[in-house]
Protein backbone atom coordinates (compact mmCIF):
# COMPACT_ATOMS: atom_id res chain seq x y z
CA GLU A 1 -116.93 -2.70 -40.68
CA ARG A 2 -117.08 -5.72 -38.52
CA THR A 3 -120.69 -5.77 -37.78
CA TYR A 4 -122.25 -5.04 -41.09
CA PRO A 5 -119.39 -5.96 -43.67
CA ASP A 6 -121.26 -5.89 -46.77
CA THR A 7 -122.95 -2.66 -46.28
CA ASN A 8 -119.42 -0.85 -44.79
CA LYS A 9 -116.88 -2.06 -47.01
CA ASP A 10 -114.52 0.45 -48.07
CA THR A 11 -116.37 3.20 -45.83
CA VAL A 12 -113.86 5.35 -44.04
CA ALA A 13 -114.88 7.99 -41.11
CA TYR A 14 -113.11 10.97 -40.75
CA VAL A 15 -113.22 12.91 -37.51
CA ARG A 16 -112.70 16.55 -37.85
CA THR A 17 -113.27 19.78 -35.84
CA GLU A 18 -115.77 22.23 -37.22
CA PHE A 19 -112.86 25.15 -38.10
CA GLU A 20 -111.20 22.18 -40.31
CA ARG A 21 -114.89 21.50 -41.87
CA ARG A 22 -115.38 25.03 -42.58
CA LEU A 23 -112.21 25.54 -43.88
CA ALA A 24 -112.46 22.56 -46.04
CA GLN A 25 -115.50 24.04 -47.48
CA GLY A 26 -113.66 27.20 -48.56
CA ILE A 27 -113.57 30.58 -47.17
CA GLN A 28 -114.69 32.60 -50.48
CA PHE A 29 -118.04 33.48 -49.53
CA PRO A 30 -117.11 35.00 -45.98
CA ALA A 31 -114.18 36.81 -47.72
CA VAL A 32 -116.55 38.09 -50.43
CA LEU A 33 -118.84 39.30 -47.66
CA MET A 34 -116.22 40.96 -45.61
CA GLY A 35 -114.88 42.86 -48.83
CA LEU A 36 -118.41 44.14 -49.41
CA MET A 37 -118.74 45.46 -45.96
CA VAL A 38 -115.18 47.04 -45.92
CA LEU A 39 -116.43 48.74 -49.47
CA VAL A 40 -120.02 50.09 -47.84
CA LEU A 41 -118.00 51.33 -44.76
CA LEU A 42 -115.67 53.02 -46.97
CA ILE A 43 -118.79 54.57 -49.25
CA ALA A 44 -119.97 55.89 -45.81
CA CYS A 45 -116.54 57.15 -44.98
CA ALA A 46 -116.59 59.06 -48.36
CA ASN A 47 -119.88 60.53 -47.73
CA VAL A 48 -119.52 61.56 -44.25
CA ALA A 49 -116.01 63.03 -45.21
CA GLY A 50 -117.98 65.09 -47.96
CA LEU A 51 -120.35 66.33 -45.18
CA LEU A 52 -117.49 67.04 -42.87
CA MET A 53 -116.07 69.18 -45.84
CA ALA A 54 -118.96 71.19 -46.63
CA ARG A 55 -119.44 71.88 -43.00
CA SER A 56 -116.16 72.96 -42.45
CA THR A 57 -116.14 75.21 -45.60
CA SER A 58 -119.12 77.06 -44.29
CA ARG A 59 -117.25 77.57 -40.97
CA LEU A 60 -114.25 78.78 -43.09
CA ARG A 61 -114.75 82.49 -41.33
CA GLU A 62 -114.80 81.08 -38.14
CA ILE A 63 -111.53 79.25 -38.55
CA SER A 64 -110.01 82.19 -40.26
CA THR A 65 -110.88 84.26 -37.41
CA GLN A 66 -109.14 81.77 -34.80
CA ILE A 67 -106.08 82.07 -36.83
CA ALA A 68 -105.91 85.55 -36.82
CA VAL A 69 -106.42 85.71 -33.10
CA GLY A 70 -103.49 83.18 -32.86
CA ALA A 71 -104.66 79.45 -32.91
CA SER A 72 -102.05 77.40 -34.06
CA ARG A 73 -102.91 74.77 -37.03
CA SER A 74 -102.48 71.98 -34.43
CA THR A 75 -105.09 73.44 -32.51
CA LEU A 76 -107.61 73.97 -35.41
CA VAL A 77 -106.79 70.57 -36.54
CA ARG A 78 -107.29 68.94 -33.12
CA GLN A 79 -110.75 70.93 -32.57
CA LEU A 80 -112.00 69.64 -36.08
CA LEU A 81 -110.86 66.00 -35.06
CA THR A 82 -112.48 66.03 -31.64
CA GLU A 83 -115.81 67.02 -33.37
CA SER A 84 -115.37 64.11 -36.04
CA ALA A 85 -114.55 61.86 -33.05
CA VAL A 86 -117.64 62.90 -31.11
CA LEU A 87 -119.74 62.17 -34.48
CA ALA A 88 -118.05 58.77 -34.93
CA LEU A 89 -118.66 58.05 -31.37
CA LEU A 90 -122.15 58.85 -31.44
CA GLY A 91 -122.42 56.64 -35.04
CA GLY A 92 -120.71 53.65 -33.28
CA VAL A 93 -123.00 54.27 -30.20
CA ALA A 94 -126.11 54.17 -32.47
CA GLY A 95 -124.89 51.18 -34.68
CA ILE A 96 -124.59 49.14 -31.20
CA LEU A 97 -127.98 49.95 -30.32
CA LEU A 98 -129.32 49.02 -33.60
CA GLY A 99 -127.44 45.80 -33.85
CA HIS A 100 -128.69 45.40 -30.01
CA ALA A 101 -132.52 46.31 -31.10
CA CYS A 102 -132.25 44.01 -34.11
CA ILE A 103 -131.12 41.10 -32.28
CA ARG A 104 -134.00 41.31 -29.86
CA GLY A 105 -136.47 42.07 -32.63
CA PHE A 106 -135.10 38.69 -34.62
CA SER A 107 -135.25 36.81 -31.50
CA ALA A 108 -138.90 37.62 -30.79
CA MET A 109 -139.83 36.53 -34.34
CA LEU A 110 -138.46 32.96 -34.06
CA PRO A 111 -141.23 30.55 -33.27
CA TYR A 112 -142.09 29.27 -30.03
CA SER A 113 -140.10 26.08 -29.10
CA PRO A 114 -140.88 24.20 -25.90
CA VAL A 115 -137.22 23.32 -25.73
CA PRO A 116 -135.02 25.68 -23.36
CA THR A 117 -131.82 25.23 -25.55
CA GLY A 118 -132.82 27.04 -28.72
CA PRO A 119 -130.34 29.79 -30.43
CA GLU A 120 -129.14 32.37 -28.29
CA PHE A 121 -128.42 35.52 -29.95
CA HIS A 122 -125.84 38.15 -28.32
CA LEU A 123 -123.69 40.78 -29.35
CA ASP A 124 -120.21 39.41 -28.68
CA MET A 125 -117.16 41.17 -26.99
CA ARG A 126 -115.33 40.95 -30.32
CA VAL A 127 -117.96 42.45 -32.19
CA LEU A 128 -118.15 45.12 -29.91
CA GLY A 129 -114.34 45.60 -30.02
CA TYR A 130 -114.56 45.61 -33.83
CA ALA A 131 -117.22 48.06 -33.94
CA LEU A 132 -115.07 50.44 -31.76
CA LEU A 133 -112.22 49.89 -33.93
CA ALA A 134 -114.22 51.05 -36.69
CA SER A 135 -115.34 54.12 -35.18
CA THR A 136 -112.17 54.95 -34.36
CA SER A 137 -110.91 54.45 -37.73
CA CYS A 138 -113.78 56.46 -39.50
CA VAL A 139 -112.44 59.35 -37.18
CA PHE A 140 -109.36 59.25 -39.16
CA LEU A 141 -110.58 58.47 -42.34
CA CYS A 142 -113.45 61.19 -42.35
CA GLY A 143 -111.89 63.74 -40.38
CA LEU A 144 -108.36 63.99 -41.16
CA ALA A 145 -108.63 65.31 -44.58
CA PRO A 146 -111.21 67.77 -44.32
CA ALA A 147 -109.60 69.09 -41.26
CA PHE A 148 -105.90 69.48 -42.64
CA SER A 149 -107.50 70.96 -46.16
CA THR A 150 -109.82 73.56 -44.09
CA VAL A 151 -107.06 74.95 -42.06
CA ASN A 152 -104.85 75.09 -45.06
CA GLU A 153 -107.48 77.00 -46.75
CA ALA A 154 -108.11 79.28 -43.93
CA MET A 155 -104.24 79.94 -43.88
CA VAL A 156 -104.31 80.64 -47.43
CA ARG A 157 -107.51 83.00 -47.26
CA ILE A 158 -105.80 84.91 -44.24
CA SER A 159 -102.17 85.39 -46.01
CA SER A 160 -104.00 86.81 -49.34
CA ASN A 161 -106.09 89.05 -47.09
CA VAL A 162 -103.24 90.12 -45.37
CA ARG A 163 -101.32 90.81 -48.42
CA GLY A 164 -103.99 92.44 -50.54
CA THR A 165 -104.82 94.98 -47.68
CA ALA A 166 -101.16 96.03 -47.47
CA ALA A 167 -100.97 96.30 -51.17
CA GLU A 168 -103.58 98.45 -50.93
CA ASN A 169 -102.53 100.70 -48.08
CA LEU A 170 -100.09 102.92 -49.47
CA SER A 171 -99.04 103.95 -45.82
CA TYR A 172 -98.79 100.78 -44.57
CA GLY A 173 -95.75 100.97 -42.40
CA GLY A 174 -94.82 104.26 -43.20
CA LEU A 175 -95.06 107.52 -42.14
CA THR A 176 -97.27 110.02 -44.25
């Protein structure tokens, strides 16, 4: 104001951090973007849960045989959850590899700049941690319900077969 009193009259300068500037602009767009990402993840989880349900329903005879042999419910649920965990782990690794490939591809598409301080793109550890958390949560979102319902359906099928066979066999438990 002292150097140029005519042009700088009633001019004020505020110094603030980048976080304060972004917070002042509002967080509506990132929140909407995060909400859409969560909805897409939930839709993907529902699709995978449907596929796991169909797969485990087709394996109902195998699971019924395991129950008849003496496998407990917890063992079967653990087996089905382990299969879901392997699927989620493979999906998470594929997602991280796809992200890394996209970063390298988009970096290669940038125009050449003689300035060495161009933008640097890399996978952040927070992003990798979030991907691990998302994969782990998908195990429970996609695998728990199909595992429980398949084991319960197999238990019902076994018990109805035992009751039906016992009712049909008149000499069951008795002497003839």
